[in-house]
Amino acid sequence: APLLVLLAVFLAFPVAAQNTDIEALSGLQFSFGNPG
């Protein structure tokens, strides 16, 4: 089944989210160290 399992859901209403699972955000590392 060569299904396009990564296709987005077409929902025409707002969603309350902190983030999404767009591939570019996978494994993204944040660092909030002190300046200087």
ModelCIF file with pLDDT and N, C-alpha, C, O atoms, coordinates in Angstrom:
data_MODEL
#
_entry.id   MODEL 
#
_entity.id                         1 
_entity.type                       polymer 
_entity.pdbx_number_of_molecules   1 
#
_entity_poly.entity_id                      1 
_entity_poly.type                           'polypeptide(L)' 
_entity_poly.nstd_linkage                   no 
_entity_poly.nstd_monomer                   no 
_entity_poly.pdbx_seq_one_letter_code       APLLVLLAVFLAFPVAAQNTDIEALSGLQFSFGNPG 
_entity_poly.pdbx_seq_one_letter_code_can   APLLVLLAVFLAFPVAAQNTDIEALSGLQFSFGNPG 
_entity_poly.pdbx_strand_id                 A 
#
loop_
_entity_poly_seq.entity_id 
_entity_poly_seq.num 
_entity_poly_seq.mon_id 
_entity_poly_seq.hetero 
1 1  ALA n 
1 2  PRO n 
1 3  LEU n 
1 4  LEU n 
1 5  VAL n 
1 6  LEU n 
1 7  LEU n 
1 8  ALA n 
1 9  VAL n 
1 10 PHE n 
1 11 LEU n 
1 12 ALA n 
1 13 PHE n 
1 14 PRO n 
1 15 VAL n 
1 16 ALA n 
1 17 ALA n 
1 18 GLN n 
1 19 ASN n 
1 20 THR n 
1 21 ASP n 
1 22 ILE n 
1 23 GLU n 
1 24 ALA n 
1 25 LEU n 
1 26 SER n 
1 27 GLY n 
1 28 LEU n 
1 29 GLN n 
1 30 PHE n 
1 31 SER n 
1 32 PHE n 
1 33 GLY n 
1 34 ASN n 
1 35 PRO n 
1 36 GLY n 
#
_struct_asym.id          A 
_struct_asym.entity_id   1 
#
loop_
_ma_qa_metric.id 
_ma_qa_metric.mode 
_ma_qa_metric.name 
_ma_qa_metric.software_group_id 
_ma_qa_metric.type 
1 global pLDDT . pLDDT 
2 local  pLDDT . pLDDT 
#
_ma_qa_metric_global.metric_id      1 
_ma_qa_metric_global.metric_value   47.81 
_ma_qa_metric_global.model_id       1 
_ma_qa_metric_global.ordinal_id     1 
#
loop_
_ma_qa_metric_local.label_asym_id 
_ma_qa_metric_local.label_comp_id 
_ma_qa_metric_local.label_seq_id 
_ma_qa_metric_local.metric_id 
_ma_qa_metric_local.metric_value 
_ma_qa_metric_local.model_id 
_ma_qa_metric_local.ordinal_id 
A ALA 1  2 46.00 1 1  
A PRO 2  2 40.00 1 2  
A LEU 3  2 38.00 1 3  
A LEU 4  2 35.00 1 4  
A VAL 5  2 36.00 1 5  
A LEU 6  2 34.00 1 6  
A LEU 7  2 32.00 1 7  
A ALA 8  2 29.00 1 8  
A VAL 9  2 28.00 1 9  
A PHE 10 2 25.00 1 10 
A LEU 11 2 25.00 1 11 
A ALA 12 2 24.00 1 12 
A PHE 13 2 24.00 1 13 
A PRO 14 2 25.00 1 14 
A VAL 15 2 27.00 1 15 
A ALA 16 2 28.00 1 16 
A ALA 17 2 30.00 1 17 
A GLN 18 2 36.00 1 18 
A ASN 19 2 50.00 1 19 
A THR 20 2 51.00 1 20 
A ASP 21 2 48.00 1 21 
A ILE 22 2 57.00 1 22 
A GLU 23 2 56.00 1 23 
A ALA 24 2 56.00 1 24 
A LEU 25 2 61.00 1 25 
A SER 26 2 58.00 1 26 
A GLY 27 2 56.00 1 27 
A LEU 28 2 59.00 1 28 
A GLN 29 2 59.00 1 29 
A PHE 30 2 61.00 1 30 
A SER 31 2 65.00 1 31 
A PHE 32 2 70.00 1 32 
A GLY 33 2 80.00 1 33 
A ASN 34 2 88.00 1 34 
A PRO 35 2 92.00 1 35 
A GLY 36 2 92.00 1 36 
#
loop_
_atom_site.group_PDB 
_atom_site.id 
_atom_site.type_symbol 
_atom_site.label_atom_id 
_atom_site.label_alt_id 
_atom_site.label_comp_id 
_atom_site.label_asym_id 
_atom_site.label_entity_id 
_atom_site.label_seq_id 
_atom_site.pdbx_PDB_ins_code 
_atom_site.Cartn_x 
_atom_site.Cartn_y 
_atom_site.Cartn_z 
_atom_site.occupancy 
_atom_site.B_iso_or_equiv 
_atom_site.pdbx_formal_charge 
_atom_site.auth_seq_id 
_atom_site.auth_comp_id 
_atom_site.auth_asym_id 
_atom_site.auth_atom_id 
_atom_site.pdbx_PDB_model_num 
ATOM 1   N N  . ALA A 1 1  ? 0.841   -1.202 0.000  1.00 46.00 ? 1  ALA A N  1 
ATOM 2   C CA . ALA A 1 1  ? 0.000   0.000  0.000  1.00 46.00 ? 1  ALA A CA 1 
ATOM 3   C C  . ALA A 1 1  ? 0.872   1.247  0.000  1.00 46.00 ? 1  ALA A C  1 
ATOM 4   O O  . ALA A 1 1  ? 1.254   1.731  1.066  1.00 46.00 ? 1  ALA A O  1 
ATOM 5   N N  . PRO A 1 2  ? 1.194   1.776  -1.177 1.00 40.00 ? 2  PRO A N  1 
ATOM 6   C CA . PRO A 1 2  ? 2.015   2.998  -1.222 1.00 40.00 ? 2  PRO A CA 1 
ATOM 7   C C  . PRO A 1 2  ? 1.176   4.237  -0.875 1.00 40.00 ? 2  PRO A C  1 
ATOM 8   O O  . PRO A 1 2  ? 1.077   5.183  -1.656 1.00 40.00 ? 2  PRO A O  1 
ATOM 9   N N  . LEU A 1 3  ? 0.578   4.199  0.321  1.00 38.00 ? 3  LEU A N  1 
ATOM 10  C CA . LEU A 1 3  ? -0.315  5.274  0.724  1.00 38.00 ? 3  LEU A CA 1 
ATOM 11  C C  . LEU A 1 3  ? 0.479   6.514  1.109  1.00 38.00 ? 3  LEU A C  1 
ATOM 12  O O  . LEU A 1 3  ? 1.591   6.423  1.629  1.00 38.00 ? 3  LEU A O  1 
ATOM 13  N N  . LEU A 1 4  ? -0.105  7.654  0.847  1.00 35.00 ? 4  LEU A N  1 
ATOM 14  C CA . LEU A 1 4  ? 0.530   8.915  1.220  1.00 35.00 ? 4  LEU A CA 1 
ATOM 15  C C  . LEU A 1 4  ? 0.208   9.198  2.682  1.00 35.00 ? 4  LEU A C  1 
ATOM 16  O O  . LEU A 1 4  ? -0.586  10.086 2.991  1.00 35.00 ? 4  LEU A O  1 
ATOM 17  N N  . VAL A 1 5  ? 0.831   8.439  3.573  1.00 36.00 ? 5  VAL A N  1 
ATOM 18  C CA . VAL A 1 5  ? 0.473   8.534  4.983  1.00 36.00 ? 5  VAL A CA 1 
ATOM 19  C C  . VAL A 1 5  ? 0.930   9.834  5.603  1.00 36.00 ? 5  VAL A C  1 
ATOM 20  O O  . VAL A 1 5  ? 0.622   10.097 6.765  1.00 36.00 ? 5  VAL A O  1 
ATOM 21  N N  . LEU A 1 6  ? 1.659   10.658 4.862  1.00 34.00 ? 6  LEU A N  1 
ATOM 22  C CA . LEU A 1 6  ? 2.107   11.931 5.411  1.00 34.00 ? 6  LEU A CA 1 
ATOM 23  C C  . LEU A 1 6  ? 1.241   13.100 4.970  1.00 34.00 ? 6  LEU A C  1 
ATOM 24  O O  . LEU A 1 6  ? 1.562   14.249 5.272  1.00 34.00 ? 6  LEU A O  1 
ATOM 25  N N  . LEU A 1 7  ? 0.153   12.831 4.265  1.00 32.00 ? 7  LEU A N  1 
ATOM 26  C CA . LEU A 1 7  ? -0.694  13.931 3.812  1.00 32.00 ? 7  LEU A CA 1 
ATOM 27  C C  . LEU A 1 7  ? -1.386  14.583 4.992  1.00 32.00 ? 7  LEU A C  1 
ATOM 28  O O  . LEU A 1 7  ? -1.782  13.905 5.940  1.00 32.00 ? 7  LEU A O  1 
ATOM 29  N N  . ALA A 1 8  ? -1.534  15.908 4.935  1.00 29.00 ? 8  ALA A N  1 
ATOM 30  C CA . ALA A 1 8  ? -2.185  16.635 6.023  1.00 29.00 ? 8  ALA A CA 1 
ATOM 31  C C  . ALA A 1 8  ? -3.692  16.469 5.939  1.00 29.00 ? 8  ALA A C  1 
ATOM 32  O O  . ALA A 1 8  ? -4.255  16.253 4.865  1.00 29.00 ? 8  ALA A O  1 
ATOM 33  N N  . VAL A 1 9  ? -4.330  16.575 7.090  1.00 28.00 ? 9  VAL A N  1 
ATOM 34  C CA . VAL A 1 9  ? -5.788  16.553 7.149  1.00 28.00 ? 9  VAL A CA 1 
ATOM 35  C C  . VAL A 1 9  ? -6.317  17.919 6.724  1.00 28.00 ? 9  VAL A C  1 
ATOM 36  O O  . VAL A 1 9  ? -5.832  18.946 7.196  1.00 28.00 ? 9  VAL A O  1 
ATOM 37  N N  . PHE A 1 10 ? -7.291  17.936 5.851  1.00 25.00 ? 10 PHE A N  1 
ATOM 38  C CA . PHE A 1 10 ? -7.863  19.196 5.398  1.00 25.00 ? 10 PHE A CA 1 
ATOM 39  C C  . PHE A 1 10 ? -9.040  19.565 6.299  1.00 25.00 ? 10 PHE A C  1 
ATOM 40  O O  . PHE A 1 10 ? -10.178 19.167 6.050  1.00 25.00 ? 10 PHE A O  1 
ATOM 41  N N  . LEU A 1 11 ? -8.745  20.329 7.345  1.00 25.00 ? 11 LEU A N  1 
ATOM 42  C CA . LEU A 1 11 ? -9.761  20.764 8.290  1.00 25.00 ? 11 LEU A CA 1 
ATOM 43  C C  . LEU A 1 11 ? -9.829  22.283 8.243  1.00 25.00 ? 11 LEU A C  1 
ATOM 44  O O  . LEU A 1 11 ? -8.834  22.964 8.494  1.00 25.00 ? 11 LEU A O  1 
ATOM 45  N N  . ALA A 1 12 ? -10.977 22.801 7.928  1.00 24.00 ? 12 ALA A N  1 
ATOM 46  C CA . ALA A 1 12 ? -11.097 24.257 7.759  1.00 24.00 ? 12 ALA A CA 1 
ATOM 47  C C  . ALA A 1 12 ? -11.555 24.924 9.046  1.00 24.00 ? 12 ALA A C  1 
ATOM 48  O O  . ALA A 1 12 ? -12.456 25.762 9.021  1.00 24.00 ? 12 ALA A O  1 
ATOM 49  N N  . PHE A 1 13 ? -10.934 24.558 10.187 1.00 24.00 ? 13 PHE A N  1 
ATOM 50  C CA . PHE A 1 13 ? -11.224 25.251 11.436 1.00 24.00 ? 13 PHE A CA 1 
ATOM 51  C C  . PHE A 1 13 ? -9.936  25.347 12.233 1.00 24.00 ? 13 PHE A C  1 
ATOM 52  O O  . PHE A 1 13 ? -9.026  24.544 12.025 1.00 24.00 ? 13 PHE A O  1 
ATOM 53  N N  . PRO A 1 14 ? -9.836  26.320 13.149 1.00 25.00 ? 14 PRO A N  1 
ATOM 54  C CA . PRO A 1 14 ? -8.601  26.526 13.888 1.00 25.00 ? 14 PRO A CA 1 
ATOM 55  C C  . PRO A 1 14 ? -8.303  25.363 14.812 1.00 25.00 ? 14 PRO A C  1 
ATOM 56  O O  . PRO A 1 14 ? -9.214  24.676 15.275 1.00 25.00 ? 14 PRO A O  1 
ATOM 57  N N  . VAL A 1 15 ? -7.020  25.142 15.081 1.00 27.00 ? 15 VAL A N  1 
ATOM 58  C CA . VAL A 1 15 ? -6.588  24.158 16.060 1.00 27.00 ? 15 VAL A CA 1 
ATOM 59  C C  . VAL A 1 15 ? -5.745  24.874 17.094 1.00 27.00 ? 15 VAL A C  1 
ATOM 60  O O  . VAL A 1 15 ? -4.973  25.773 16.760 1.00 27.00 ? 15 VAL A O  1 
ATOM 61  N N  . ALA A 1 16 ? -5.889  24.475 18.353 1.00 28.00 ? 16 ALA A N  1 
ATOM 62  C CA . ALA A 1 16 ? -5.117  25.076 19.444 1.00 28.00 ? 16 ALA A CA 1 
ATOM 63  C C  . ALA A 1 16 ? -3.949  24.153 19.745 1.00 28.00 ? 16 ALA A C  1 
ATOM 64  O O  . ALA A 1 16 ? -4.109  23.152 20.443 1.00 28.00 ? 16 ALA A O  1 
ATOM 65  N N  . ALA A 1 17 ? -2.785  24.482 19.225 1.00 30.00 ? 17 ALA A N  1 
ATOM 66  C CA . ALA A 1 17 ? -1.643  23.583 19.358 1.00 30.00 ? 17 ALA A CA 1 
ATOM 67  C C  . ALA A 1 17 ? -0.411  24.357 19.746 1.00 30.00 ? 17 ALA A C  1 
ATOM 68  O O  . ALA A 1 17 ? -0.317  25.560 19.502 1.00 30.00 ? 17 ALA A O  1 
ATOM 69  N N  . GLN A 1 18 ? 0.544   23.658 20.356 1.00 36.00 ? 18 GLN A N  1 
ATOM 70  C CA . GLN A 1 18 ? 1.832   24.241 20.644 1.00 36.00 ? 18 GLN A CA 1 
ATOM 71  C C  . GLN A 1 18 ? 2.788   24.056 19.480 1.00 36.00 ? 18 GLN A C  1 
ATOM 72  O O  . GLN A 1 18 ? 3.751   24.812 19.355 1.00 36.00 ? 18 GLN A O  1 
ATOM 73  N N  . ASN A 1 19 ? 2.553   23.097 18.646 1.00 50.00 ? 19 ASN A N  1 
ATOM 74  C CA . ASN A 1 19 ? 3.461   22.784 17.560 1.00 50.00 ? 19 ASN A CA 1 
ATOM 75  C C  . ASN A 1 19 ? 2.751   21.836 16.616 1.00 50.00 ? 19 ASN A C  1 
ATOM 76  O O  . ASN A 1 19 ? 1.640   21.393 16.906 1.00 50.00 ? 19 ASN A O  1 
ATOM 77  N N  . THR A 1 20 ? 3.372   21.518 15.493 1.00 51.00 ? 20 THR A N  1 
ATOM 78  C CA . THR A 1 20 ? 2.832   20.529 14.579 1.00 51.00 ? 20 THR A CA 1 
ATOM 79  C C  . THR A 1 20 ? 3.923   19.543 14.236 1.00 51.00 ? 20 THR A C  1 
ATOM 80  O O  . THR A 1 20 ? 5.087   19.744 14.584 1.00 51.00 ? 20 THR A O  1 
ATOM 81  N N  . ASP A 1 21 ? 3.545   18.473 13.549 1.00 48.00 ? 21 ASP A N  1 
ATOM 82  C CA . ASP A 1 21 ? 4.515   17.438 13.211 1.00 48.00 ? 21 ASP A CA 1 
ATOM 83  C C  . ASP A 1 21 ? 5.038   17.588 11.780 1.00 48.00 ? 21 ASP A C  1 
ATOM 84  O O  . ASP A 1 21 ? 5.320   16.590 11.118 1.00 48.00 ? 21 ASP A O  1 
ATOM 85  N N  . ILE A 1 22 ? 5.168   18.821 11.304 1.00 57.00 ? 22 ILE A N  1 
ATOM 86  C CA . ILE A 1 22 ? 5.880   19.032 10.043 1.00 57.00 ? 22 ILE A CA 1 
ATOM 87  C C  . ILE A 1 22 ? 7.292   18.465 10.179 1.00 57.00 ? 22 ILE A C  1 
ATOM 88  O O  . ILE A 1 22 ? 7.960   18.678 11.191 1.00 57.00 ? 22 ILE A O  1 
ATOM 89  N N  . GLU A 1 23 ? 7.735   17.750 9.164  1.00 56.00 ? 23 GLU A N  1 
ATOM 90  C CA . GLU A 1 23 ? 8.975   16.988 9.290  1.00 56.00 ? 23 GLU A CA 1 
ATOM 91  C C  . GLU A 1 23 ? 10.177  17.823 9.711  1.00 56.00 ? 23 GLU A C  1 
ATOM 92  O O  . GLU A 1 23 ? 11.050  17.328 10.423 1.00 56.00 ? 23 GLU A O  1 
ATOM 93  N N  . ALA A 1 24 ? 10.236  19.082 9.282  1.00 56.00 ? 24 ALA A N  1 
ATOM 94  C CA . ALA A 1 24 ? 11.385  19.927 9.605  1.00 56.00 ? 24 ALA A CA 1 
ATOM 95  C C  . ALA A 1 24 ? 11.556  20.115 11.098 1.00 56.00 ? 24 ALA A C  1 
ATOM 96  O O  . ALA A 1 24 ? 12.657  20.426 11.552 1.00 56.00 ? 24 ALA A O  1 
ATOM 97  N N  . LEU A 1 25 ? 10.478  19.930 11.890 1.00 61.00 ? 25 LEU A N  1 
ATOM 98  C CA . LEU A 1 25 ? 10.560  20.147 13.332 1.00 61.00 ? 25 LEU A CA 1 
ATOM 99  C C  . LEU A 1 25 ? 10.961  18.895 14.086 1.00 61.00 ? 25 LEU A C  1 
ATOM 100 O O  . LEU A 1 25 ? 11.184  18.951 15.295 1.00 61.00 ? 25 LEU A O  1 
ATOM 101 N N  . SER A 1 26 ? 11.058  17.763 13.399 1.00 58.00 ? 26 SER A N  1 
ATOM 102 C CA . SER A 1 26 ? 11.472  16.532 14.059 1.00 58.00 ? 26 SER A CA 1 
ATOM 103 C C  . SER A 1 26 ? 12.943  16.600 14.432 1.00 58.00 ? 26 SER A C  1 
ATOM 104 O O  . SER A 1 26 ? 13.787  16.963 13.612 1.00 58.00 ? 26 SER A O  1 
ATOM 105 N N  . GLY A 1 27 ? 13.242  16.249 15.672 1.00 56.00 ? 27 GLY A N  1 
ATOM 106 C CA . GLY A 1 27 ? 14.628  16.249 16.122 1.00 56.00 ? 27 GLY A CA 1 
ATOM 107 C C  . GLY A 1 27 ? 15.208  17.619 16.338 1.00 56.00 ? 27 GLY A C  1 
ATOM 108 O O  . GLY A 1 27 ? 16.408  17.746 16.579 1.00 56.00 ? 27 GLY A O  1 
ATOM 109 N N  . LEU A 1 28 ? 14.390  18.658 16.258 1.00 59.00 ? 28 LEU A N  1 
ATOM 110 C CA . LEU A 1 28 ? 14.884  20.020 16.422 1.00 59.00 ? 28 LEU A CA 1 
ATOM 111 C C  . LEU A 1 28 ? 15.285  20.240 17.874 1.00 59.00 ? 28 LEU A C  1 
ATOM 112 O O  . LEU A 1 28 ? 14.492  19.998 18.784 1.00 59.00 ? 28 LEU A O  1 
ATOM 113 N N  . GLN A 1 29 ? 16.512  20.696 18.092 1.00 59.00 ? 29 GLN A N  1 
ATOM 114 C CA . GLN A 1 29 ? 17.041  20.898 19.433 1.00 59.00 ? 29 GLN A CA 1 
ATOM 115 C C  . GLN A 1 29 ? 17.105  22.383 19.760 1.00 59.00 ? 29 GLN A C  1 
ATOM 116 O O  . GLN A 1 29 ? 17.696  23.169 19.020 1.00 59.00 ? 29 GLN A O  1 
ATOM 117 N N  . PHE A 1 30 ? 16.487  22.757 20.878 1.00 61.00 ? 30 PHE A N  1 
ATOM 118 C CA . PHE A 1 30 ? 16.561  24.122 21.358 1.00 61.00 ? 30 PHE A CA 1 
ATOM 119 C C  . PHE A 1 30 ? 17.546  24.205 22.505 1.00 61.00 ? 30 PHE A C  1 
ATOM 120 O O  . PHE A 1 30 ? 17.631  23.296 23.331 1.00 61.00 ? 30 PHE A O  1 
ATOM 121 N N  . SER A 1 31 ? 18.288  25.297 22.552 1.00 65.00 ? 31 SER A N  1 
ATOM 122 C CA . SER A 1 31 ? 19.191  25.543 23.659 1.00 65.00 ? 31 SER A CA 1 
ATOM 123 C C  . SER A 1 31 ? 19.019  26.994 24.085 1.00 65.00 ? 31 SER A C  1 
ATOM 124 O O  . SER A 1 31 ? 19.063  27.905 23.258 1.00 65.00 ? 31 SER A O  1 
ATOM 125 N N  . PHE A 1 32 ? 18.821  27.199 25.383 1.00 70.00 ? 32 PHE A N  1 
ATOM 126 C CA . PHE A 1 32 ? 18.548  28.538 25.898 1.00 70.00 ? 32 PHE A CA 1 
ATOM 127 C C  . PHE A 1 32 ? 19.612  28.929 26.916 1.00 70.00 ? 32 PHE A C  1 
ATOM 128 O O  . PHE A 1 32 ? 19.293  29.396 28.010 1.00 70.00 ? 32 PHE A O  1 
ATOM 129 N N  . GLY A 1 33 ? 20.882  28.737 26.552 1.00 80.00 ? 33 GLY A N  1 
ATOM 130 C CA . GLY A 1 33 ? 21.976  29.040 27.451 1.00 80.00 ? 33 GLY A CA 1 
ATOM 131 C C  . GLY A 1 33 ? 22.155  30.527 27.672 1.00 80.00 ? 33 GLY A C  1 
ATOM 132 O O  . GLY A 1 33 ? 21.593  31.355 26.955 1.00 80.00 ? 33 GLY A O  1 
ATOM 133 N N  . ASN A 1 34 ? 22.959  30.851 28.692 1.00 88.00 ? 34 ASN A N  1 
ATOM 134 C CA . ASN A 1 34 ? 23.234  32.245 29.016 1.00 88.00 ? 34 ASN A CA 1 
ATOM 135 C C  . ASN A 1 34 ? 24.083  32.900 27.933 1.00 88.00 ? 34 ASN A C  1 
ATOM 136 O O  . ASN A 1 34 ? 24.870  32.221 27.274 1.00 88.00 ? 34 ASN A O  1 
ATOM 137 N N  . PRO A 1 35 ? 23.936  34.215 27.739 1.00 92.00 ? 35 PRO A N  1 
ATOM 138 C CA . PRO A 1 35 ? 24.770  34.908 26.754 1.00 92.00 ? 35 PRO A CA 1 
ATOM 139 C C  . PRO A 1 35 ? 26.176  35.130 27.290 1.00 92.00 ? 35 PRO A C  1 
ATOM 140 O O  . PRO A 1 35 ? 26.437  34.959 28.481 1.00 92.00 ? 35 PRO A O  1 
ATOM 141 N N  . GLY A 1 36 ? 27.078  35.513 26.390 1.00 92.00 ? 36 GLY A N  1 
ATOM 142 C CA . GLY A 1 36 ? 28.437  35.876 26.780 1.00 92.00 ? 36 GLY A CA 1 
ATOM 143 C C  . GLY A 1 36 ? 29.428  34.746 26.615 1.00 92.00 ? 36 GLY A C  1 
ATOM 144 O O  . GLY A 1 36 ? 30.611  34.915 26.908 1.00 92.00 ? 36 GLY A O  1 
#
